[in-house]
């Protein structure tokens, strides 16, 4: 069927002379008694290059004096039936008259489209006779030789779907006549831009409307068909999935996509309906959504949105249990958020701020609300346990040694000022004055004794001056001189525990081995008939 292909240049040059043929069809039927509407059609019409000529012969018989006979022929178009022939001045009786009319190209192409490839027509005639005057004939009026003529382009093609989205493909089907031997297609905006195959498939990337040209070489020569705006490539929808959001735990948000008529969100996790433009999501963790949007043209675009679920602030007020000594004021300092609210407004210095002071008289519960920089908040219940302070301690002054009851901690004071290092239950003053002690219990509550005066006068102090201990401080051996014969020596640590015991002989020197003792302050106590003597010593 196909001859050797011409080169592209030769084919384009040859197409300057168009190879056309003529559509010429006569309906073989003779229509009699066309005094009422008769419909007919011209079949198998093809691609036209312009208008068409419709011709016919008709005859009507009448008796003179009753007016001329007439005929009307119409074609069916998108706007309704349109007159093609409208003759109303025929005065010849029973003689066939030739009639013809030109159908403009636009009207003719429209009528072919409405007829689905055929030209749909109708006609009626009036013979001019009046009833009862004897001029009515059985077959009158008569129409014959209904003929349609127009030129036909050899090059022709059809497109299954000429409207696509960017990136889509268009299949072209050759419908040329007169046995083409070669083809040259030219695709504006297409890929490929040209083709020499009979039925090419072309891809279009960019939105727009594009011309398609087909040049064929036929038995009658070359022919060119240019169809302007033959292919339409729609734009992709402008999709907007909305702004990224930050949510607090338990919060919901409504997504909002724009740009189409159909929507699909992925993943569908946490969504109430993934197939609508504005689903509601209540995420429990961070998630990214993508929406696929389809517009009215069937084109699709996508956009993404990110949802961050901000953890609620973790609030803290100090560490461990919160205990308040009755009558005291407690400072509470919050952490874990940006803004704080305290409630209720009882026995508290403020209802907002990082730090507040509280002084409830009894056990009391507060609630702390903390809000972070994202507006997320959480609550923390604070139980303040109010406990009674310890009983005030009593100070015992015995032969120059001050002692008090045991407690979690002690602090001795001279004239109301703390004495450095005096933190045991037993204390040997070095200076005269008023001494007191502050004790602290396991709850951190304190109590203070009444002052006790200490002065270095009296028999016990004078006798004690006869004792001499050396070296000071001692590391291995400690020698005590001036010990009465038969006296009993004790070395007492800071807690009041006896760590060494020894008795003297007839000599007044007693040696104590302190090499295994812990470093610290000790009391050498010498008991004899003359009384008890005490001396403070230090072991290193």
Protein backbone atom coordinates (compact mmCIF):
# COMPACT_ATOMS: atom_id res chain seq x y z
CA UNK A 1 0.00 0.00 0.00
CA UNK A 2 2.80 2.44 0.93
CA UNK A 3 5.47 3.70 -1.40
CA UNK A 4 8.91 4.75 -0.21
CA UNK A 5 8.71 7.72 2.16
CA UNK A 6 9.70 11.10 0.80
CA UNK A 7 12.21 13.10 2.72
CA UNK A 8 10.61 15.60 5.10
CA UNK A 9 11.78 18.52 3.00
CA UNK A 10 10.35 17.03 -0.18
CA UNK A 11 7.05 16.18 1.47
CA UNK A 12 6.63 19.67 2.87
CA UNK A 13 7.43 21.20 -0.51
CA UNK A 14 5.00 18.90 -2.31
CA UNK A 15 2.20 19.77 0.14
CA UNK A 16 2.01 23.29 -1.30
CA UNK A 17 -0.32 21.77 -3.95
CA UNK A 18 -3.38 20.34 -2.20
CA UNK A 19 -4.75 16.98 -3.37
CA UNK A 20 -8.52 17.21 -3.10
CA UNK A 21 -11.43 15.18 -4.34
CA UNK A 22 -15.13 15.94 -4.68
CA UNK A 23 -17.99 14.56 -2.65
CA UNK A 24 -20.86 14.09 -5.12
CA UNK A 25 -23.89 12.12 -4.01
CA UNK A 26 -27.39 11.96 -5.53
CA UNK A 27 -30.23 10.40 -3.56
CA UNK A 28 -31.76 7.79 -5.90
CA UNK A 29 -35.27 8.22 -4.54
CA UNK A 30 -37.90 10.31 -6.29
CA UNK A 31 -40.22 11.86 -3.72
CA UNK A 32 -43.88 12.17 -4.76
CA UNK A 33 -46.68 14.04 -3.03
CA UNK A 34 -44.30 16.39 -1.23
CA UNK A 35 -47.18 18.47 0.05
CA UNK A 36 -46.29 17.58 3.62
CA UNK A 37 -42.89 17.49 5.36
CA UNK A 38 -40.54 14.75 4.09
CA UNK A 39 -37.17 14.01 5.80
CA UNK A 40 -34.08 12.67 4.02
CA UNK A 41 -30.28 12.53 4.60
CA UNK A 42 -27.03 12.49 2.64
CA UNK A 43 -24.83 9.71 4.08
CA UNK A 44 -21.11 9.30 4.62
CA UNK A 45 -20.01 12.90 4.51
CA UNK A 46 -16.31 13.51 5.18
CA UNK A 47 -13.88 16.32 6.07
CA UNK A 48 -14.71 19.44 4.09
CA UNK A 49 -12.60 22.33 2.93
CA UNK A 50 -15.49 24.77 2.55
CA UNK A 51 -19.17 25.03 1.79
CA UNK A 52 -21.40 22.70 -0.25
CA UNK A 53 -23.98 22.93 -3.06
CA UNK A 54 -27.41 21.32 -2.67
CA UNK A 55 -29.43 20.93 -5.90
CA UNK A 56 -32.73 19.26 -6.95
CA UNK A 57 -35.51 19.14 -9.56
CA UNK A 58 -39.12 19.68 -8.63
CA UNK A 59 -42.45 19.93 -10.40
CA UNK A 60 -45.87 21.16 -9.28
CA UNK A 61 -49.13 21.34 -11.22
CA UNK A 62 -51.85 23.94 -10.77
CA UNK A 63 -54.65 25.78 -12.52
CA UNK A 64 -53.81 29.31 -13.44
CA UNK A 65 -55.00 32.17 -11.39
CA UNK A 66 -54.37 30.63 -7.94
CA UNK A 67 -50.80 31.86 -7.36
CA UNK A 68 -47.28 30.42 -7.80
CA UNK A 69 -46.13 27.09 -6.35
CA UNK A 70 -43.31 26.91 -3.73
CA UNK A 71 -40.74 24.57 -2.19
CA UNK A 72 -38.76 24.78 1.06
CA UNK A 73 -35.66 22.67 1.95
CA UNK A 74 -33.97 22.90 5.40
CA UNK A 75 -30.91 21.33 7.06
CA UNK A 76 -30.58 20.50 10.77
CA UNK A 77 -27.95 22.54 12.70
CA UNK A 78 -27.07 23.16 16.32
CA UNK A 79 -29.38 26.20 16.28
CA UNK A 80 -32.32 24.31 14.69
CA UNK A 81 -33.61 23.87 11.16
CA UNK A 82 -32.10 26.38 8.71
CA UNK A 83 -33.52 27.22 5.25
CA UNK A 84 -31.32 26.27 2.30
CA UNK A 85 -33.83 26.50 -0.59
CA UNK A 86 -36.95 28.62 -0.26
CA UNK A 87 -38.60 29.08 -3.69
CA UNK A 88 -42.12 30.56 -3.92
CA UNK A 89 -42.53 31.97 -7.42
CA UNK A 90 -42.81 28.94 -9.72
CA UNK A 91 -45.56 29.54 -12.30
CA UNK A 92 -44.83 26.54 -14.49
CA UNK A 93 -47.34 23.73 -14.23
CA UNK A 94 -46.24 20.11 -14.23
CA UNK A 95 -42.72 21.02 -15.47
CA UNK A 96 -39.53 20.03 -13.61
CA UNK A 97 -37.59 23.06 -12.48
CA UNK A 98 -33.94 23.05 -11.44
CA UNK A 99 -33.10 24.55 -7.98
CA UNK A 100 -29.72 24.86 -6.26
CA UNK A 101 -28.27 26.67 -3.23
CA UNK A 102 -24.84 27.12 -1.65
CA UNK A 103 -24.46 26.16 2.01
CA UNK A 104 -21.75 28.27 3.75
CA UNK A 105 -18.77 26.37 5.18
CA UNK A 106 -19.52 27.14 8.84
CA UNK A 107 -23.17 26.18 8.58
CA UNK A 108 -22.34 23.08 6.57
CA UNK A 109 -19.68 21.86 9.06
CA UNK A 110 -22.08 22.47 11.94
CA UNK A 111 -24.86 20.49 10.22
CA UNK A 112 -22.50 17.55 9.58
CA UNK A 113 -21.50 17.54 13.24
CA UNK A 114 -25.13 17.59 14.40
CA UNK A 115 -25.95 14.79 11.98
CA UNK A 116 -23.14 12.63 13.30
CA UNK A 117 -21.40 12.53 9.92
CA UNK A 118 -24.55 12.77 7.79
CA UNK A 119 -26.44 15.80 6.48
CA UNK A 120 -30.00 15.66 7.90
CA UNK A 121 -32.58 17.44 5.74
CA UNK A 122 -36.35 17.98 5.38
CA UNK A 123 -38.58 19.51 2.66
CA UNK A 124 -42.16 20.34 1.70
CA UNK A 125 -43.85 21.93 -1.38
CA UNK A 126 -47.07 23.74 -2.25
CA UNK A 127 -48.60 23.34 -5.75
CA UNK A 128 -50.69 26.53 -5.54
CA UNK A 129 -53.99 24.74 -6.05
CA UNK A 130 -57.02 25.51 -3.97
CA UNK A 131 -59.35 22.75 -2.80
CA UNK A 132 -62.47 22.19 -4.88
CA UNK A 133 -61.24 23.72 -8.15
CA UNK A 134 -60.13 20.52 -9.87
CA UNK A 135 -56.37 21.16 -9.92
CA UNK A 136 -55.22 18.51 -7.43
CA UNK A 137 -53.11 15.71 -8.89
CA UNK A 138 -52.31 12.39 -7.26
CA UNK A 139 -48.47 12.69 -7.16
CA UNK A 140 -48.20 16.44 -7.03
CA UNK A 141 -45.70 17.97 -6.10
CA UNK A 142 -42.66 15.79 -7.07
CA UNK A 143 -38.96 16.16 -6.10
CA UNK A 144 -36.10 14.23 -7.68
CA UNK A 145 -32.33 14.30 -8.21
CA UNK A 146 -31.51 15.57 -4.70
CA UNK A 147 -27.74 16.10 -5.00
CA UNK A 148 -24.98 17.25 -2.58
CA UNK A 149 -21.56 18.35 -3.87
CA UNK A 150 -18.46 19.70 -2.10
CA UNK A 151 -14.71 19.36 -2.17
CA UNK A 152 -12.98 16.98 0.21
CA UNK A 153 -9.53 17.17 1.78
CA UNK A 154 -7.48 13.99 1.48
CA UNK A 155 -5.68 14.54 4.79
CA UNK A 156 -7.82 13.83 7.81
CA UNK A 157 -7.41 12.47 11.34
CA UNK A 158 -9.32 12.01 14.56
CA UNK A 159 -8.32 12.36 18.20
CA UNK A 160 -9.79 10.07 20.85
CA UNK A 161 -9.26 12.61 23.64
CA UNK A 162 -7.90 16.01 22.67
CA UNK A 163 -8.04 17.45 26.22
CA UNK A 164 -5.39 16.21 28.63
CA UNK A 165 -3.41 17.18 31.70
CA UNK A 166 0.31 18.07 31.65
CA UNK A 167 2.37 14.97 31.01
CA UNK A 168 -0.54 13.18 29.33
CA UNK A 169 -0.50 11.57 25.90
CA UNK A 170 -2.72 11.99 22.86
CA UNK A 171 -3.37 9.23 20.32
CA UNK A 172 -3.89 10.41 16.74
CA UNK A 173 -5.73 8.16 14.25
CA UNK A 174 -5.24 8.73 10.53
CA UNK A 175 -8.52 8.96 8.58
CA UNK A 176 -7.09 10.27 5.29
CA UNK A 177 -8.58 9.20 1.99
CA UNK A 178 -7.09 8.49 -1.44
CA UNK A 179 -4.60 5.92 -0.15
CA UNK A 180 -1.79 8.00 1.42
CA UNK A 181 1.68 6.58 0.91
CA UNK A 182 3.55 8.88 3.30
CA UNK A 183 2.74 10.86 6.44
CA UNK A 184 4.34 13.84 8.07
CA UNK A 185 2.85 15.01 11.37
CA UNK A 186 3.83 18.26 13.04
CA UNK A 187 2.93 18.67 16.73
CA UNK A 188 3.22 22.13 18.20
CA UNK A 189 4.32 21.76 21.85
CA UNK A 190 4.44 17.95 21.59
CA UNK A 191 7.05 15.29 22.13
CA UNK A 192 8.01 14.15 19.58
CA UNK A 193 7.57 17.37 17.61
CA UNK A 194 7.25 15.45 14.33
CA UNK A 195 6.39 11.92 13.27
CA UNK A 196 6.14 9.89 10.05
CA UNK A 197 4.10 7.00 11.44
CA UNK A 198 0.45 6.62 10.47
CA UNK A 199 -1.08 6.72 14.00
CA UNK A 200 1.35 8.46 16.37
CA UNK A 201 1.10 8.94 20.14
CA UNK A 202 2.38 12.28 21.43
CA UNK A 203 3.07 13.58 24.94
CA UNK A 204 2.41 17.18 26.01
CA UNK A 205 4.17 18.62 29.05
CA UNK A 206 3.11 22.27 29.27
CA UNK A 207 -0.41 23.72 29.56
CA UNK A 208 -1.78 25.44 26.46
CA UNK A 209 -3.60 24.89 23.16
CA UNK A 210 -1.63 23.46 20.25
CA UNK A 211 -2.00 23.12 16.48
CA UNK A 212 -1.58 19.79 14.71
CA UNK A 213 -0.57 19.51 11.06
CA UNK A 214 -0.86 16.38 8.87
CA UNK A 215 0.76 16.25 5.43
CA UNK A 216 0.03 13.18 3.29
CA UNK A 217 1.10 12.04 -0.15
CA UNK A 218 -1.88 10.44 -1.94
CA UNK A 219 -2.68 8.98 -5.32
CA UNK A 220 -3.78 12.47 -6.38
CA UNK A 221 -0.74 14.21 -4.88
CA UNK A 222 0.10 15.84 -1.58
CA UNK A 223 -2.41 17.37 0.84
CA UNK A 224 -2.08 19.31 4.07
CA UNK A 225 -4.54 19.60 6.94
CA UNK A 226 -3.89 22.12 9.73
CA UNK A 227 -6.16 21.99 12.76
CA UNK A 228 -5.71 24.98 14.98
CA UNK A 229 -6.05 24.44 18.71
CA UNK A 230 -6.52 20.73 18.10
CA UNK A 231 -5.05 19.74 21.47
CA UNK A 232 -5.78 21.40 24.79
CA UNK A 233 -3.48 20.77 27.76
CA UNK A 234 -5.08 21.95 30.98
CA UNK A 235 -3.10 23.53 33.77
CA UNK A 236 -2.52 21.50 36.92
CA UNK A 237 -4.67 22.62 39.83
CA UNK A 238 -3.07 25.09 42.21
CA UNK A 239 -3.19 22.99 45.37
CA UNK A 240 -2.86 24.40 48.86
CA UNK A 241 -3.01 22.05 51.84
CA UNK A 242 -2.85 24.88 54.36
CA UNK A 243 -0.20 26.03 56.80
CA UNK A 244 1.82 23.76 59.08
CA UNK A 245 0.45 23.63 62.61
CA UNK A 246 1.58 22.93 66.17
CA UNK A 247 -1.01 21.27 68.41
CA UNK A 248 -1.12 20.51 72.10
CA UNK A 249 -1.90 16.95 73.24
CA UNK A 250 -5.58 16.12 72.71
CA UNK A 251 -6.24 19.08 70.43
CA UNK A 252 -7.92 18.79 67.01
CA UNK A 253 -7.52 20.86 63.88
CA UNK A 254 -9.39 21.04 60.59
CA UNK A 255 -7.25 20.66 57.51
CA UNK A 256 -8.22 22.84 54.57
CA UNK A 257 -7.27 22.02 50.98
CA UNK A 258 -8.17 24.17 47.98
CA UNK A 259 -8.01 23.93 44.22
CA UNK A 260 -10.18 21.02 43.09
CA UNK A 261 -13.43 19.08 43.11
CA UNK A 262 -12.14 15.82 44.61
CA UNK A 263 -9.65 15.27 47.42
CA UNK A 264 -7.73 12.37 48.93
CA UNK A 265 -5.52 12.72 52.02
CA UNK A 266 -2.76 10.24 52.84
CA UNK A 267 -2.17 8.74 55.25
CA UNK A 268 -5.70 8.49 56.62
CA UNK A 269 -4.37 8.16 60.18
CA UNK A 270 -6.27 10.29 62.75
CA UNK A 271 -8.58 11.75 60.03
CA UNK A 272 -12.38 11.67 60.31
CA UNK A 273 -12.77 11.53 56.51
CA UNK A 274 -9.72 11.43 54.18
CA UNK A 275 -11.84 11.97 51.03
CA UNK A 276 -13.04 15.54 51.72
CA UNK A 277 -11.36 18.93 51.41
CA UNK A 278 -11.49 19.75 55.11
CA UNK A 279 -11.15 16.67 57.33
CA UNK A 280 -10.63 16.96 61.08
CA UNK A 281 -7.54 15.36 62.62
CA UNK A 282 -6.82 14.65 66.28
CA UNK A 283 -3.24 13.35 66.15
CA UNK A 284 -1.45 11.80 69.08
CA UNK A 285 1.98 12.17 67.49
CA UNK A 286 3.72 14.22 64.79
CA UNK A 287 2.42 13.48 61.30
CA UNK A 288 2.80 14.76 57.72
CA UNK A 289 -0.22 14.72 55.41
CA UNK A 290 -0.29 14.93 51.60
CA UNK A 291 -3.47 15.82 49.75
CA UNK A 292 -4.07 14.73 46.14
CA UNK A 293 -6.47 17.17 44.48
CA UNK A 294 -8.38 16.49 41.27
CA UNK A 295 -9.90 19.46 39.40
CA UNK A 296 -12.90 19.62 37.09
CA UNK A 297 -10.68 18.71 34.11
CA UNK A 298 -9.43 15.53 35.79
CA UNK A 299 -5.95 16.96 36.39
CA UNK A 300 -4.25 16.24 39.69
CA UNK A 301 -1.86 18.14 41.93
CA UNK A 302 -0.64 17.66 45.48
CA UNK A 303 0.60 19.55 48.49
CA UNK A 304 1.76 18.59 51.97
CA UNK A 305 1.17 19.90 55.47
CA UNK A 306 2.99 19.06 58.70
CA UNK A 307 1.27 18.66 62.08
CA UNK A 308 3.52 18.74 65.16
CA UNK A 309 2.08 17.53 68.47
CA UNK A 310 3.93 19.44 71.18
CA UNK A 311 4.42 17.42 74.41
CA UNK A 312 2.67 18.96 77.37
CA UNK A 313 5.04 20.66 79.82
CA UNK A 314 6.37 18.47 82.64
CA UNK A 315 6.01 20.53 85.79
CA UNK A 316 8.13 20.21 88.91
CA UNK A 317 8.22 21.99 92.26
CA UNK A 318 11.40 21.12 94.13
CA UNK A 319 12.29 17.50 94.79
CA UNK A 320 10.70 14.95 97.12
CA UNK A 321 7.94 15.67 99.59
CA UNK A 322 7.02 19.25 100.53
CA UNK A 323 7.03 19.74 104.28
CA UNK A 324 6.40 23.01 106.11
CA UNK A 325 7.15 23.54 109.76
CA UNK A 326 4.17 25.04 111.53
CA UNK A 327 4.50 28.79 111.74
CA UNK A 328 7.16 29.00 109.04
CA UNK A 329 6.98 30.26 105.45
CA UNK A 330 7.89 27.92 102.58
CA UNK A 331 9.26 29.04 99.21
CA UNK A 332 8.00 27.05 96.20
CA UNK A 333 9.86 27.34 92.86
CA UNK A 334 8.28 25.89 89.68
CA UNK A 335 10.09 24.62 86.59
CA UNK A 336 9.21 22.95 83.28
CA UNK A 337 7.10 25.69 81.61
CA UNK A 338 7.16 29.35 80.61
CA UNK A 339 4.18 30.79 82.50
CA UNK A 340 2.74 29.64 85.83
CA UNK A 341 -0.55 30.08 87.67
CA UNK A 342 -1.04 29.06 91.33
CA UNK A 343 -4.37 28.36 93.02
CA UNK A 344 -6.24 28.72 95.30
CA UNK A 345 -5.42 32.20 96.52
CA UNK A 346 -5.05 31.23 100.20
CA UNK A 347 -1.90 31.54 102.34
CA UNK A 348 0.17 32.36 99.24
CA UNK A 349 2.16 35.43 98.23
CA UNK A 350 1.05 35.51 94.55
CA UNK A 351 -1.08 33.60 92.03
CA UNK A 352 1.42 33.84 89.17
CA UNK A 353 5.15 33.69 88.68
CA UNK A 354 7.89 31.12 88.94
CA UNK A 355 8.35 31.39 92.74
CA UNK A 356 5.83 31.98 95.52
CA UNK A 357 5.83 31.81 99.32
CA UNK A 358 3.17 29.83 101.21
CA UNK A 359 2.29 29.67 104.93
CA UNK A 360 -0.74 27.42 105.44
CA UNK A 361 -1.55 26.71 109.11
CA UNK A 362 -2.41 23.08 108.36
CA UNK A 363 -1.94 20.56 105.58
CA UNK A 364 -2.98 22.26 102.34
CA UNK A 365 -3.25 21.45 98.61
CA UNK A 366 -2.26 23.84 95.84
CA UNK A 367 -2.60 23.44 92.07
CA UNK A 368 0.04 24.67 89.65
CA UNK A 369 -0.81 25.28 85.97
CA UNK A 370 2.13 25.68 83.60
CA UNK A 371 1.94 26.93 80.00
CA UNK A 372 4.79 26.57 77.49
CA UNK A 373 5.76 28.78 74.54
CA UNK A 374 3.30 26.93 72.25
CA UNK A 375 0.33 27.54 74.53
CA UNK A 376 0.26 23.95 75.77
CA UNK A 377 -0.44 23.55 79.46
CA UNK A 378 -0.48 20.92 82.19
CA UNK A 379 -1.34 20.82 85.87
CA UNK A 380 0.48 19.63 88.97
CA UNK A 381 -1.08 19.03 92.39
CA UNK A 382 1.09 20.19 95.29
CA UNK A 383 0.46 18.83 98.78
CA UNK A 384 2.06 20.85 101.58
CA UNK A 385 2.39 18.82 104.81
CA UNK A 386 2.47 21.06 107.87
CA UNK A 387 4.35 19.42 110.78
CA UNK A 388 4.98 20.54 114.35
CA UNK A 389 8.52 21.71 115.20
CA UNK A 390 10.58 19.85 117.81
CA UNK A 391 10.41 20.78 121.47
CA UNK A 392 12.99 23.42 122.47
CA UNK A 393 16.15 21.62 123.65
CA UNK A 394 17.72 21.90 127.12
CA UNK A 395 21.41 22.67 127.58
CA UNK A 396 23.27 20.92 130.40
CA UNK A 397 26.49 22.48 131.73
CA UNK A 398 28.53 19.87 133.55
CA UNK A 399 32.08 20.71 134.60
CA UNK A 400 32.72 22.87 131.54
CA UNK A 401 31.09 20.57 129.00
CA UNK A 402 27.81 21.67 127.39
CA UNK A 403 25.47 18.99 126.12
CA UNK A 404 21.93 18.70 124.76
CA UNK A 405 19.50 16.11 123.41
CA UNK A 406 20.23 14.25 120.18
CA UNK A 407 18.72 15.49 116.93
CA UNK A 408 19.28 15.32 113.17
CA UNK A 409 21.70 18.24 113.45
CA UNK A 410 22.96 20.80 115.99
CA UNK A 411 24.37 24.30 115.89
CA UNK A 412 25.81 25.97 118.99
CA UNK A 413 25.66 29.73 119.32
CA UNK A 414 27.62 32.23 121.41
CA UNK A 415 25.70 35.38 122.11
CA UNK A 416 23.32 34.41 119.30
CA UNK A 417 26.05 33.90 116.67
CA UNK A 418 26.92 30.44 115.29
CA UNK A 419 30.17 28.93 116.54
CA UNK A 420 32.20 27.47 113.67
CA UNK A 421 32.43 23.69 113.82
CA UNK A 422 30.17 23.44 116.89
CA UNK A 423 27.66 21.02 115.37
CA UNK A 424 27.69 18.12 117.84
CA UNK A 425 25.40 17.41 120.78
CA UNK A 426 28.39 18.00 123.13
CA UNK A 427 30.35 21.24 123.11
CA UNK A 428 33.27 22.53 125.22
CA UNK A 429 33.28 26.28 125.21
CA UNK A 430 36.53 28.14 124.78
CA UNK A 431 35.18 31.52 125.78
CA UNK A 432 32.94 32.77 128.51
CA UNK A 433 29.48 33.88 127.48
CA UNK A 434 25.84 32.93 126.85
CA UNK A 435 25.55 29.73 124.88
CA UNK A 436 22.46 28.24 123.20
CA UNK A 437 21.87 25.47 120.70
CA UNK A 438 19.59 25.10 117.65
CA UNK A 439 18.48 21.57 116.84
CA UNK A 440 16.97 20.40 113.54
CA UNK A 441 14.72 17.32 113.27
CA UNK A 442 14.28 14.91 110.36
CA UNK A 443 11.63 17.20 108.79
CA UNK A 444 14.01 20.15 108.75
CA UNK A 445 12.12 21.90 111.54
CA UNK A 446 14.19 23.71 114.17
CA UNK A 447 13.97 24.70 117.82
CA UNK A 448 16.35 26.78 119.92
CA UNK A 449 17.24 26.45 123.60
CA UNK A 450 17.29 29.26 126.08
CA UNK A 451 20.79 30.69 126.63
CA UNK A 452 23.05 29.19 129.33
CA UNK A 453 25.93 31.21 130.76
CA UNK A 454 29.35 29.58 130.76
CA UNK A 455 32.23 30.98 132.84
CA UNK A 456 35.68 29.44 133.62
CA UNK A 457 35.60 29.90 137.47
CA UNK A 458 35.02 27.40 140.30
CA UNK A 459 36.76 24.43 141.91
CA UNK A 460 36.39 22.11 138.93
CA UNK A 461 38.06 24.56 136.58
CA UNK A 462 41.00 25.14 138.98
CA UNK A 463 41.57 21.43 139.45
CA UNK A 464 41.33 20.89 135.73
CA UNK A 465 44.17 23.27 135.23
CA UNK A 466 46.53 20.74 136.89
CA UNK A 467 46.11 18.42 133.87
CA UNK A 468 48.44 18.78 130.92
CA UNK A 469 48.09 16.88 127.64
CA UNK A 470 50.74 16.67 124.95
CA UNK A 471 51.49 16.63 122.11
CA UNK A 472 48.58 18.61 120.71
CA UNK A 473 47.30 17.69 118.32
CA UNK A 474 48.26 14.01 118.83
CA UNK A 475 48.69 11.44 116.09
CA UNK A 476 49.97 8.21 117.67
CA UNK A 477 50.49 8.63 121.44
CA UNK A 478 48.94 11.16 123.79
CA UNK A 479 50.48 11.81 127.26
CA UNK A 480 48.38 13.11 130.14
CA UNK A 481 50.32 14.51 133.14
CA UNK A 482 49.09 15.60 136.56
CA UNK A 483 46.87 12.56 136.95
CA UNK A 484 46.16 11.65 140.61
CA UNK A 485 47.23 8.14 141.64
CA UNK A 486 44.46 5.59 141.16
CA UNK A 487 42.44 7.90 138.90
CA UNK A 488 40.35 6.54 136.02
CA UNK A 489 40.86 8.14 132.55
CA UNK A 490 38.28 8.14 129.73
CA UNK A 491 38.60 9.51 126.19
CA UNK A 492 35.16 10.66 124.98
CA UNK A 493 34.34 11.51 121.33
CA UNK A 494 32.07 14.31 120.09
CA UNK A 495 28.96 12.15 120.31
CA UNK A 496 29.58 11.40 124.02
CA UNK A 497 30.80 7.86 123.37
CA UNK A 498 33.78 6.56 125.44
CA UNK A 499 36.42 5.29 123.04
CA UNK A 500 39.35 4.63 125.45
CA UNK A 501 39.55 3.78 129.19
CA UNK A 502 42.68 3.56 131.36
CA UNK A 503 43.60 3.74 135.09
CA UNK A 504 46.65 5.53 136.53
CA UNK A 505 49.25 4.00 138.86
CA UNK A 506 51.40 5.79 141.43
CA UNK A 507 52.89 7.99 138.68
CA UNK A 508 51.10 11.06 137.38
CA UNK A 509 51.79 10.32 133.69
CA UNK A 510 49.34 8.25 131.62
CA UNK A 511 49.98 7.39 127.93
CA UNK A 512 47.06 6.84 125.55
CA UNK A 513 47.36 5.13 122.11
CA UNK A 514 45.18 7.20 119.71
CA UNK A 515 46.64 5.91 116.43
CA UNK A 516 43.48 4.03 115.56
CA UNK A 517 41.05 6.83 116.37
CA UNK A 518 39.35 9.05 113.82
CA UNK A 519 40.55 12.62 113.55
CA UNK A 520 38.49 15.09 115.52
CA UNK A 521 37.81 16.70 118.90
CA UNK A 522 37.77 14.56 122.05
CA UNK A 523 37.41 15.08 125.83
CA UNK A 524 39.93 13.63 128.31
CA UNK A 525 37.98 12.98 131.50
CA UNK A 526 39.91 12.14 134.72
CA UNK A 527 37.87 10.88 137.64
CA UNK A 528 39.45 10.71 141.14
CA UNK A 529 38.56 11.29 144.77
CA UNK A 530 39.35 14.95 144.30
CA UNK A 531 36.63 15.26 141.63
CA UNK A 532 36.29 15.09 137.84
CA UNK A 533 38.58 16.99 135.51
CA UNK A 534 38.08 17.42 131.76
CA UNK A 535 40.36 18.70 129.02
CA UNK A 536 39.52 19.13 125.30
CA UNK A 537 42.06 17.53 122.98
CA UNK A 538 42.48 17.03 119.24
CA UNK A 539 43.50 13.85 117.37
CA UNK A 540 44.83 14.06 113.81
